[in-house]
Amino acid sequence: GWFRQAPGKKRELVAHITSSGRISYTDPVRGRFTISRDNAKNTVYL
């Protein structure tokens, strides 16, 4: 997953993807951000 922390705010979850590919987003980024993963490269993207 990806988290973010803005000045003066607590760290929040932005997006998460499970090993089976189930994805969730926080409401402010839904429709604008896309999380994906490449297991062969051990990489997650946002």
All heavy atoms as atom14 arrays in JSON, in Angstrom:
{
  "sequence": "GWFRQAPGKKRELVAHITSSGRISYTDPVRGRFTISRDNAKNTVYL",
  "atom14_mask": [
    [1, 1, 1, 1, 0, 0, 0, 0, 0, 0, 0, 0, 0, 0],
    [1, 1, 1, 1, 1, 1, 1, 1, 1, 1, 1, 1, 1, 1],
    [1, 1, 1, 1, 1, 1, 1, 1, 1, 1, 1, 0, 0, 0],
    [1, 1, 1, 1, 1, 1, 1, 1, 1, 1, 1, 0, 0, 0],
    [1, 1, 1, 1, 1, 1, 1, 1, 1, 0, 0, 0, 0, 0],
    [1, 1, 1, 1, 1, 0, 0, 0, 0, 0, 0, 0, 0, 0],
    [1, 1, 1, 1, 1, 1, 1, 0, 0, 0, 0, 0, 0, 0],
    [1, 1, 1, 1, 0, 0, 0, 0, 0, 0, 0, 0, 0, 0],
    [1, 1, 1, 1, 1, 1, 1, 1, 1, 0, 0, 0, 0, 0],
    [1, 1, 1, 1, 1, 1, 1, 1, 1, 0, 0, 0, 0, 0],
    [1, 1, 1, 1, 1, 1, 1, 1, 1, 1, 1, 0, 0, 0],
    [1, 1, 1, 1, 1, 1, 1, 1, 1, 0, 0, 0, 0, 0],
    [1, 1, 1, 1, 1, 1, 1, 1, 0, 0, 0, 0, 0, 0],
    [1, 1, 1, 1, 1, 1, 1, 0, 0, 0, 0, 0, 0, 0],
    [1, 1, 1, 1, 1, 0, 0, 0, 0, 0, 0, 0, 0, 0],
    [1, 1, 1, 1, 1, 1, 1, 1, 1, 1, 0, 0, 0, 0],
    [1, 1, 1, 1, 1, 1, 1, 1, 0, 0, 0, 0, 0, 0],
    [1, 1, 1, 1, 1, 1, 1, 0, 0, 0, 0, 0, 0, 0],
    [1, 1, 1, 1, 1, 1, 0, 0, 0, 0, 0, 0, 0, 0],
    [1, 1, 1, 1, 1, 1, 0, 0, 0, 0, 0, 0, 0, 0],
    [1, 1, 1, 1, 0, 0, 0, 0, 0, 0, 0, 0, 0, 0],
    [1, 1, 1, 1, 1, 1, 1, 1, 1, 1, 1, 0, 0, 0],
    [1, 1, 1, 1, 1, 1, 1, 1, 0, 0, 0, 0, 0, 0],
    [1, 1, 1, 1, 1, 1, 0, 0, 0, 0, 0, 0, 0, 0],
    [1, 1, 1, 1, 1, 1, 1, 1, 1, 1, 1, 1, 0, 0],
    [1, 1, 1, 1, 1, 1, 1, 0, 0, 0, 0, 0, 0, 0],
    [1, 1, 1, 1, 1, 1, 1, 1, 0, 0, 0, 0, 0, 0],
    [1, 1, 1, 1, 1, 1, 1, 0, 0, 0, 0, 0, 0, 0],
    [1, 1, 1, 1, 1, 1, 1, 0, 0, 0, 0, 0, 0, 0],
    [1, 1, 1, 1, 1, 1, 1, 1, 1, 1, 1, 0, 0, 0],
    [1, 1, 1, 1, 0, 0, 0, 0, 0, 0, 0, 0, 0, 0],
    [1, 1, 1, 1, 1, 1, 1, 1, 1, 1, 1, 0, 0, 0],
    [1, 1, 1, 1, 1, 1, 1, 1, 1, 1, 1, 0, 0, 0],
    [1, 1, 1, 1, 1, 1, 1, 0, 0, 0, 0, 0, 0, 0],
    [1, 1, 1, 1, 1, 1, 1, 1, 0, 0, 0, 0, 0, 0],
    [1, 1, 1, 1, 1, 1, 0, 0, 0, 0, 0, 0, 0, 0],
    [1, 1, 1, 1, 1, 1, 1, 1, 1, 1, 1, 0, 0, 0],
    [1, 1, 1, 1, 1, 1, 1, 1, 0, 0, 0, 0, 0, 0],
    [1, 1, 1, 1, 1, 1, 1, 1, 0, 0, 0, 0, 0, 0],
    [1, 1, 1, 1, 1, 0, 0, 0, 0, 0, 0, 0, 0, 0],
    [1, 1, 1, 1, 1, 1, 1, 1, 1, 0, 0, 0, 0, 0],
    [1, 1, 1, 1, 1, 1, 1, 1, 0, 0, 0, 0, 0, 0],
    [1, 1, 1, 1, 1, 1, 1, 0, 0, 0, 0, 0, 0, 0],
    [1, 1, 1, 1, 1, 1, 1, 0, 0, 0, 0, 0, 0, 0],
    [1, 1, 1, 1, 1, 1, 1, 1, 1, 1, 1, 1, 0, 0],
    [1, 1, 1, 1, 1, 1, 1, 1, 0, 0, 0, 0, 0, 0]
  ],
  "atom14_positions": [
    [[0.8, -1.2, 0.0], [0.0, 0.0, 0.0], [0.84, 1.26, 0.0], [2.06, 1.23, 0.14], [0.0, 0.0, 0.0], [0.0, 0.0, 0.0], [0.0, 0.0, 0.0], [0.0, 0.0, 0.0], [0.0, 0.0, 0.0], [0.0, 0.0, 0.0], [0.0, 0.0, 0.0], [0.0, 0.0, 0.0], [0.0, 0.0, 0.0], [0.0, 0.0, 0.0]],
    [[0.13, 2.36, -0.19], [0.72, 3.68, -0.12], [0.01, 4.48, 0.95], [-1.22, 4.49, 1.02], [0.61, 4.41, -1.46], [1.47, 3.84, -2.54], [1.15, 2.89, -3.45], [2.84, 4.2, -2.81], [2.21, 2.63, -4.28], [3.25, 3.42, -3.91], [3.74, 5.1, -2.23], [4.54, 3.51, -4.44], [5.01, 5.19, -2.76], [5.4, 4.4, -3.85]],
    [[0.81, 5.14, 1.77], [0.32, 6.06, 2.78], [0.86, 7.45, 2.48], [1.83, 7.6, 1.73], [0.77, 5.63, 4.17], [0.14, 4.36, 4.68], [0.48, 3.13, 4.15], [-0.79, 4.4, 5.7], [-0.09, 1.96, 4.62], [-1.37, 3.24, 6.19], [-1.02, 2.02, 5.64], [0.0, 0.0, 0.0], [0.0, 0.0, 0.0], [0.0, 0.0, 0.0]],
    [[0.26, 8.45, 3.07], [0.79, 9.79, 2.95], [0.6, 10.55, 4.24], [-0.31, 10.26, 5.03], [0.16, 10.54, 1.78], [-1.32, 10.88, 1.96], [-1.88, 11.52, 0.7], [-3.28, 11.87, 0.83], [-4.03, 12.34, -0.16], [-3.49, 12.51, -1.37], [-5.3, 12.65, 0.04], [0.0, 0.0, 0.0], [0.0, 0.0, 0.0], [0.0, 0.0, 0.0]],
    [[1.45, 11.53, 4.44], [1.37, 12.38, 5.62], [1.61, 13.82, 5.21], [2.7, 14.17, 4.76], [2.37, 11.94, 6.68], [2.2, 12.66, 8.01], [2.97, 12.0, 9.14], [3.89, 11.22, 8.89], [2.59, 12.3, 10.36], [0.0, 0.0, 0.0], [0.0, 0.0, 0.0], [0.0, 0.0, 0.0], [0.0, 0.0, 0.0], [0.0, 0.0, 0.0]],
    [[0.59, 14.63, 5.38], [0.68, 16.05, 5.08], [1.07, 16.81, 6.34], [0.88, 16.31, 7.46], [-0.66, 16.56, 4.54], [0.0, 0.0, 0.0], [0.0, 0.0, 0.0], [0.0, 0.0, 0.0], [0.0, 0.0, 0.0], [0.0, 0.0, 0.0], [0.0, 0.0, 0.0], [0.0, 0.0, 0.0], [0.0, 0.0, 0.0], [0.0, 0.0, 0.0]],
    [[1.6, 18.01, 6.19], [1.98, 18.8, 7.37], [0.83, 18.99, 8.34], [-0.28, 19.37, 7.94], [2.41, 20.14, 6.77], [2.86, 19.79, 5.39], [1.93, 18.7, 4.94], [0.0, 0.0, 0.0], [0.0, 0.0, 0.0], [0.0, 0.0, 0.0], [0.0, 0.0, 0.0], [0.0, 0.0, 0.0], [0.0, 0.0, 0.0], [0.0, 0.0, 0.0]],
    [[1.07, 18.69, 9.6], [0.06, 18.86, 10.62], [-0.99, 17.79, 10.68], [-1.93, 17.9, 11.48], [0.0, 0.0, 0.0], [0.0, 0.0, 0.0], [0.0, 0.0, 0.0], [0.0, 0.0, 0.0], [0.0, 0.0, 0.0], [0.0, 0.0, 0.0], [0.0, 0.0, 0.0], [0.0, 0.0, 0.0], [0.0, 0.0, 0.0], [0.0, 0.0, 0.0]],
    [[-0.86, 16.75, 9.86], [-1.85, 15.69, 9.83], [-1.2, 14.34, 10.1], [0.0, 14.16, 9.95], [-2.57, 15.65, 8.47], [-3.39, 16.89, 8.17], [-4.15, 16.72, 6.87], [-5.02, 17.93, 6.58], [-5.79, 17.76, 5.32], [0.0, 0.0, 0.0], [0.0, 0.0, 0.0], [0.0, 0.0, 0.0], [0.0, 0.0, 0.0], [0.0, 0.0, 0.0]],
    [[-2.02, 13.4, 10.51], [-1.56, 12.05, 10.74], [-1.41, 11.3, 9.42], [-2.04, 11.65, 8.41], [-2.52, 11.3, 11.65], [-2.59, 11.84, 13.07], [-3.5, 11.0, 13.93], [-3.51, 11.5, 15.36], [-4.4, 10.67, 16.22], [0.0, 0.0, 0.0], [0.0, 0.0, 0.0], [0.0, 0.0, 0.0], [0.0, 0.0, 0.0], [0.0, 0.0, 0.0]],
    [[-0.58, 10.29, 9.44], [-0.4, 9.46, 8.26], [-1.71, 8.73, 7.94], [-2.36, 8.18, 8.82], [0.73, 8.46, 8.49], [1.13, 7.68, 7.26], [2.35, 6.82, 7.52], [3.51, 7.62, 7.9], [4.72, 7.12, 8.08], [4.95, 5.83, 7.9], [5.72, 7.92, 8.43], [0.0, 0.0, 0.0], [0.0, 0.0, 0.0], [0.0, 0.0, 0.0]],
    [[-2.08, 8.73, 6.67], [-3.3, 8.09, 6.24], [-3.05, 7.13, 5.1], [-2.14, 7.32, 4.28], [-4.35, 9.13, 5.81], [-3.96, 9.92, 4.57], [-5.08, 10.8, 4.04], [-6.22, 10.68, 4.52], [-4.81, 11.61, 3.13], [0.0, 0.0, 0.0], [0.0, 0.0, 0.0], [0.0, 0.0, 0.0], [0.0, 0.0, 0.0], [0.0, 0.0, 0.0]],
    [[-3.86, 6.12, 5.04], [-3.8, 5.17, 3.94], [-4.36, 5.81, 2.68], [-5.44, 6.4, 2.69], [-4.59, 3.91, 4.28], [-4.68, 2.84, 3.18], [-3.31, 2.23, 2.91], [-5.69, 1.77, 3.56], [0.0, 0.0, 0.0], [0.0, 0.0, 0.0], [0.0, 0.0, 0.0], [0.0, 0.0, 0.0], [0.0, 0.0, 0.0], [0.0, 0.0, 0.0]],
    [[-3.62, 5.69, 1.59], [-4.06, 6.21, 0.3], [-4.67, 5.11, -0.56], [-5.76, 5.24, -1.1], [-2.9, 6.88, -0.46], [-3.35, 7.35, -1.84], [-2.35, 8.04, 0.35], [0.0, 0.0, 0.0], [0.0, 0.0, 0.0], [0.0, 0.0, 0.0], [0.0, 0.0, 0.0], [0.0, 0.0, 0.0], [0.0, 0.0, 0.0], [0.0, 0.0, 0.0]],
    [[-3.95, 4.02, -0.69], [-4.39, 2.9, -1.51], [-3.73, 1.63, -1.02], [-2.63, 1.66, -0.48], [-4.05, 3.14, -2.98], [0.0, 0.0, 0.0], [0.0, 0.0, 0.0], [0.0, 0.0, 0.0], [0.0, 0.0, 0.0], [0.0, 0.0, 0.0], [0.0, 0.0, 0.0], [0.0, 0.0, 0.0], [0.0, 0.0, 0.0], [0.0, 0.0, 0.0]],
    [[-4.42, 0.52, -1.26], [-3.9, -0.76, -0.82], [-4.27, -1.82, -1.84], [-5.35, -1.76, -2.44], [-4.48, -1.13, 0.55], [-3.92, -2.38, 1.14], [-4.53, -3.61, 0.98], [-2.8, -2.6, 1.87], [-3.82, -4.53, 1.59], [-2.76, -3.95, 2.14], [0.0, 0.0, 0.0], [0.0, 0.0, 0.0], [0.0, 0.0, 0.0], [0.0, 0.0, 0.0]],
    [[-3.38, -2.78, -2.02], [-3.64, -3.88, -2.92], [-3.18, -5.17, -2.25], [-2.07, -5.26, -1.74], [-2.97, -3.67, -4.3], [-3.32, -4.81, -5.25], [-1.47, -3.49, -4.15], [-2.93, -4.51, -6.7], [0.0, 0.0, 0.0], [0.0, 0.0, 0.0], [0.0, 0.0, 0.0], [0.0, 0.0, 0.0], [0.0, 0.0, 0.0], [0.0, 0.0, 0.0]],
    [[-4.05, -6.16, -2.24], [-3.74, -7.43, -1.61], [-2.99, -8.33, -2.58], [-2.84, -8.03, -3.76], [-5.01, -8.14, -1.13], [-5.76, -8.59, -2.27], [-5.87, -7.23, -0.29], [0.0, 0.0, 0.0], [0.0, 0.0, 0.0], [0.0, 0.0, 0.0], [0.0, 0.0, 0.0], [0.0, 0.0, 0.0], [0.0, 0.0, 0.0], [0.0, 0.0, 0.0]],
    [[-2.53, -9.46, -2.06], [-1.82, -10.42, -2.89], [-2.71, -10.99, -4.0], [-2.2, -11.42, -5.04], [-1.26, -11.56, -2.04], [-2.29, -12.23, -1.34], [0.0, 0.0, 0.0], [0.0, 0.0, 0.0], [0.0, 0.0, 0.0], [0.0, 0.0, 0.0], [0.0, 0.0, 0.0], [0.0, 0.0, 0.0], [0.0, 0.0, 0.0], [0.0, 0.0, 0.0]],
    [[-4.01, -11.01, -3.77], [-4.95, -11.5, -4.77], [-5.44, -10.42, -5.73], [-6.23, -10.71, -6.63], [-6.15, -12.16, -4.1], [-6.88, -11.23, -3.33], [0.0, 0.0, 0.0], [0.0, 0.0, 0.0], [0.0, 0.0, 0.0], [0.0, 0.0, 0.0], [0.0, 0.0, 0.0], [0.0, 0.0, 0.0], [0.0, 0.0, 0.0], [0.0, 0.0, 0.0]],
    [[-4.99, -9.18, -5.52], [-5.34, -8.11, -6.41], [-6.52, -7.25, -5.99], [-6.96, -6.39, -6.75], [0.0, 0.0, 0.0], [0.0, 0.0, 0.0], [0.0, 0.0, 0.0], [0.0, 0.0, 0.0], [0.0, 0.0, 0.0], [0.0, 0.0, 0.0], [0.0, 0.0, 0.0], [0.0, 0.0, 0.0], [0.0, 0.0, 0.0], [0.0, 0.0, 0.0]],
    [[-7.03, -7.47, -4.79], [-8.13, -6.64, -4.3], [-7.6, -5.27, -3.94], [-6.62, -5.14, -3.2], [-8.8, -7.3, -3.11], [-9.99, -6.52, -2.55], [-10.68, -7.29, -1.45], [-11.25, -8.54, -1.96], [-11.83, -9.45, -1.19], [-11.9, -9.27, 0.12], [-12.33, -10.54, -1.73], [0.0, 0.0, 0.0], [0.0, 0.0, 0.0], [0.0, 0.0, 0.0]],
    [[-8.26, -4.23, -4.41], [-7.78, -2.86, -4.29], [-8.77, -2.0, -3.52], [-9.98, -2.13, -3.68], [-7.53, -2.25, -5.69], [-6.4, -2.99, -6.4], [-7.23, -0.76, -5.59], [-6.24, -2.61, -7.85], [0.0, 0.0, 0.0], [0.0, 0.0, 0.0], [0.0, 0.0, 0.0], [0.0, 0.0, 0.0], [0.0, 0.0, 0.0], [0.0, 0.0, 0.0]],
    [[-8.23, -1.12, -2.71], [-9.05, -0.14, -2.03], [-8.36, 1.22, -2.08], [-7.14, 1.31, -2.16], [-9.32, -0.54, -0.58], [-8.12, -0.67, 0.15], [0.0, 0.0, 0.0], [0.0, 0.0, 0.0], [0.0, 0.0, 0.0], [0.0, 0.0, 0.0], [0.0, 0.0, 0.0], [0.0, 0.0, 0.0], [0.0, 0.0, 0.0], [0.0, 0.0, 0.0]],
    [[-9.17, 2.29, -2.05], [-8.67, 3.66, -2.07], [-9.37, 4.48, -1.01], [-10.53, 4.22, -0.65], [-8.93, 4.33, -3.42], [-8.27, 3.69, -4.6], [-8.98, 2.82, -5.43], [-6.94, 3.95, -4.9], [-8.38, 2.24, -6.53], [-6.33, 3.36, -6.0], [-7.05, 2.51, -6.81], [-6.45, 1.93, -7.91], [0.0, 0.0, 0.0], [0.0, 0.0, 0.0]],
    [[-8.67, 5.48, -0.53], [-9.33, 6.46, 0.3], [-10.17, 7.37, -0.6], [-9.83, 7.61, -1.75], [-8.31, 7.28, 1.11], [-8.99, 8.11, 2.05], [-7.46, 8.15, 0.21], [0.0, 0.0, 0.0], [0.0, 0.0, 0.0], [0.0, 0.0, 0.0], [0.0, 0.0, 0.0], [0.0, 0.0, 0.0], [0.0, 0.0, 0.0], [0.0, 0.0, 0.0]],
    [[-11.28, 7.85, -0.08], [-12.24, 8.59, -0.89], [-11.64, 9.78, -1.65], [-11.99, 9.99, -2.82], [-13.41, 9.07, -0.03], [-14.35, 7.95, 0.35], [-14.32, 6.89, -0.31], [-15.12, 8.14, 1.31], [0.0, 0.0, 0.0], [0.0, 0.0, 0.0], [0.0, 0.0, 0.0], [0.0, 0.0, 0.0], [0.0, 0.0, 0.0], [0.0, 0.0, 0.0]],
    [[-10.75, 10.59, -1.05], [-10.25, 11.75, -1.78], [-9.47, 11.44, -3.05], [-9.33, 12.32, -3.9], [-9.34, 12.44, -0.74], [-9.88, 12.01, 0.58], [-10.31, 10.59, 0.35], [0.0, 0.0, 0.0], [0.0, 0.0, 0.0], [0.0, 0.0, 0.0], [0.0, 0.0, 0.0], [0.0, 0.0, 0.0], [0.0, 0.0, 0.0], [0.0, 0.0, 0.0]],
    [[-8.95, 10.22, -3.18], [-8.15, 9.9, -4.36], [-8.85, 8.96, -5.32], [-8.36, 8.74, -6.44], [-6.78, 9.3, -3.97], [-6.11, 10.16, -2.92], [-6.93, 7.86, -3.48], [0.0, 0.0, 0.0], [0.0, 0.0, 0.0], [0.0, 0.0, 0.0], [0.0, 0.0, 0.0], [0.0, 0.0, 0.0], [0.0, 0.0, 0.0], [0.0, 0.0, 0.0]],
    [[-9.97, 8.42, -4.93], [-10.68, 7.47, -5.77], [-11.07, 8.11, -7.1], [-11.63, 9.19, -7.14], [-11.91, 6.93, -5.05], [-12.58, 5.76, -5.78], [-13.69, 5.14, -4.93], [-13.16, 4.46, -3.75], [-13.34, 4.89, -2.51], [-14.03, 5.99, -2.27], [-12.82, 4.21, -1.5], [0.0, 0.0, 0.0], [0.0, 0.0, 0.0], [0.0, 0.0, 0.0]],
    [[-10.73, 7.42, -8.19], [-10.99, 7.94, -9.51], [-9.84, 8.71, -10.1], [-9.83, 8.97, -11.31], [0.0, 0.0, 0.0], [0.0, 0.0, 0.0], [0.0, 0.0, 0.0], [0.0, 0.0, 0.0], [0.0, 0.0, 0.0], [0.0, 0.0, 0.0], [0.0, 0.0, 0.0], [0.0, 0.0, 0.0], [0.0, 0.0, 0.0], [0.0, 0.0, 0.0]],
    [[-8.87, 9.1, -9.28], [-7.71, 9.84, -9.76], [-6.42, 9.04, -9.64], [-5.52, 9.18, -10.47], [-7.56, 11.15, -8.99], [-8.74, 12.1, -9.14], [-8.47, 13.44, -8.48], [-8.29, 13.31, -7.04], [-7.19, 13.64, -6.38], [-6.15, 14.13, -7.03], [-7.13, 13.5, -5.06], [0.0, 0.0, 0.0], [0.0, 0.0, 0.0], [0.0, 0.0, 0.0]],
    [[-6.32, 8.21, -8.61], [-5.12, 7.43, -8.36], [-5.37, 5.97, -8.72], [-6.49, 5.46, -8.57], [-4.7, 7.5, -6.89], [-4.19, 8.84, -6.44], [-4.28, 9.97, -7.24], [-3.61, 8.96, -5.19], [-3.81, 11.2, -6.8], [-3.14, 10.17, -4.73], [-3.24, 11.3, -5.54], [0.0, 0.0, 0.0], [0.0, 0.0, 0.0], [0.0, 0.0, 0.0]],
    [[-4.32, 5.29, -9.13], [-4.4, 3.88, -9.45], [-3.2, 3.16, -8.85], [-2.05, 3.52, -9.13], [-4.44, 3.63, -10.96], [-5.55, 4.31, -11.54], [-4.58, 2.13, -11.24], [0.0, 0.0, 0.0], [0.0, 0.0, 0.0], [0.0, 0.0, 0.0], [0.0, 0.0, 0.0], [0.0, 0.0, 0.0], [0.0, 0.0, 0.0], [0.0, 0.0, 0.0]],
    [[-3.46, 2.14, -8.05], [-2.39, 1.33, -7.5], [-2.28, 0.04, -8.31], [-3.28, -0.51, -8.76], [-2.63, 1.02, -6.0], [-1.41, 0.34, -5.38], [-3.89, 0.19, -5.79], [-1.49, 0.2, -3.86], [0.0, 0.0, 0.0], [0.0, 0.0, 0.0], [0.0, 0.0, 0.0], [0.0, 0.0, 0.0], [0.0, 0.0, 0.0], [0.0, 0.0, 0.0]],
    [[-1.07, -0.41, -8.51], [-0.83, -1.65, -9.23], [0.45, -2.29, -8.71], [1.22, -1.67, -7.99], [-0.74, -1.4, -10.75], [0.34, -0.53, -11.05], [0.0, 0.0, 0.0], [0.0, 0.0, 0.0], [0.0, 0.0, 0.0], [0.0, 0.0, 0.0], [0.0, 0.0, 0.0], [0.0, 0.0, 0.0], [0.0, 0.0, 0.0], [0.0, 0.0, 0.0]],
    [[0.65, -3.54, -9.09], [1.83, -4.25, -8.62], [2.39, -5.14, -9.71], [1.67, -5.6, -10.59], [1.52, -5.07, -7.37], [0.45, -6.15, -7.57], [0.01, -6.75, -6.25], [1.06, -7.55, -5.64], [1.05, -7.96, -4.37], [0.05, -7.61, -3.57], [2.05, -8.71, -3.9], [0.0, 0.0, 0.0], [0.0, 0.0, 0.0], [0.0, 0.0, 0.0]],
    [[3.68, -5.36, -9.63], [4.38, -6.27, -10.53], [5.17, -7.21, -9.63], [6.25, -6.87, -9.15], [5.29, -5.51, -11.48], [5.93, -6.4, -12.53], [6.06, -7.61, -12.29], [6.31, -5.87, -13.59], [0.0, 0.0, 0.0], [0.0, 0.0, 0.0], [0.0, 0.0, 0.0], [0.0, 0.0, 0.0], [0.0, 0.0, 0.0], [0.0, 0.0, 0.0]],
    [[4.62, -8.39, -9.41], [5.26, -9.32, -8.48], [6.63, -9.79, -8.96], [7.51, -10.03, -8.14], [4.34, -10.52, -8.25], [3.09, -10.16, -7.49], [3.08, -9.22, -6.7], [2.02, -10.91, -7.72], [0.0, 0.0, 0.0], [0.0, 0.0, 0.0], [0.0, 0.0, 0.0], [0.0, 0.0, 0.0], [0.0, 0.0, 0.0], [0.0, 0.0, 0.0]],
    [[6.8, -9.92, -10.25], [8.08, -10.35, -10.79], [9.18, -9.35, -10.48], [10.35, -9.73, -10.39], [7.98, -10.59, -12.29], [0.0, 0.0, 0.0], [0.0, 0.0, 0.0], [0.0, 0.0, 0.0], [0.0, 0.0, 0.0], [0.0, 0.0, 0.0], [0.0, 0.0, 0.0], [0.0, 0.0, 0.0], [0.0, 0.0, 0.0], [0.0, 0.0, 0.0]],
    [[8.82, -8.09, -10.34], [9.79, -7.04, -10.06], [9.77, -6.6, -8.6], [10.5, -5.68, -8.24], [9.54, -5.83, -10.96], [9.72, -6.11, -12.44], [9.47, -4.85, -13.26], [9.68, -5.11, -14.74], [9.43, -3.9, -15.55], [0.0, 0.0, 0.0], [0.0, 0.0, 0.0], [0.0, 0.0, 0.0], [0.0, 0.0, 0.0], [0.0, 0.0, 0.0]],
    [[8.93, -7.23, -7.8], [8.77, -6.84, -6.39], [8.49, -5.34, -6.27], [9.08, -4.65, -5.43], [10.01, -7.22, -5.57], [10.08, -8.71, -5.29], [9.07, -9.41, -5.3], [11.28, -9.19, -5.03], [0.0, 0.0, 0.0], [0.0, 0.0, 0.0], [0.0, 0.0, 0.0], [0.0, 0.0, 0.0], [0.0, 0.0, 0.0], [0.0, 0.0, 0.0]],
    [[7.59, -4.87, -7.09], [7.34, -3.44, -7.19], [5.86, -3.13, -7.09], [5.03, -3.86, -7.64], [7.9, -2.88, -8.5], [9.32, -3.09, -8.54], [7.62, -1.39, -8.63], [0.0, 0.0, 0.0], [0.0, 0.0, 0.0], [0.0, 0.0, 0.0], [0.0, 0.0, 0.0], [0.0, 0.0, 0.0], [0.0, 0.0, 0.0], [0.0, 0.0, 0.0]],
    [[5.55, -2.05, -6.41], [4.2, -1.51, -6.37], [4.25, -0.08, -6.91], [5.22, 0.65, -6.68], [3.6, -1.55, -4.95], [4.45, -0.73, -3.98], [2.16, -1.07, -4.95], [0.0, 0.0, 0.0], [0.0, 0.0, 0.0], [0.0, 0.0, 0.0], [0.0, 0.0, 0.0], [0.0, 0.0, 0.0], [0.0, 0.0, 0.0], [0.0, 0.0, 0.0]],
    [[3.22, 0.3, -7.65], [3.15, 1.61, -8.28], [1.94, 2.38, -7.78], [0.94, 1.8, -7.37], [3.04, 1.48, -9.8], [4.13, 0.67, -10.46], [3.94, -0.68, -10.72], [5.34, 1.26, -10.81], [4.93, -1.43, -11.33], [6.34, 0.52, -11.41], [6.13, -0.83, -11.67], [7.12, -1.57, -12.27], [0.0, 0.0, 0.0], [0.0, 0.0, 0.0]],
    [[2.04, 3.68, -7.86], [0.89, 4.54, -7.63], [0.87, 5.59, -8.73], [1.69, 6.51, -8.73], [0.94, 5.21, -6.25], [-0.29, 6.02, -5.88], [-1.5, 5.1, -5.69], [-0.06, 6.85, -4.62], [0.0, 0.0, 0.0], [0.0, 0.0, 0.0], [0.0, 0.0, 0.0], [0.0, 0.0, 0.0], [0.0, 0.0, 0.0], [0.0, 0.0, 0.0]]
  ]
}
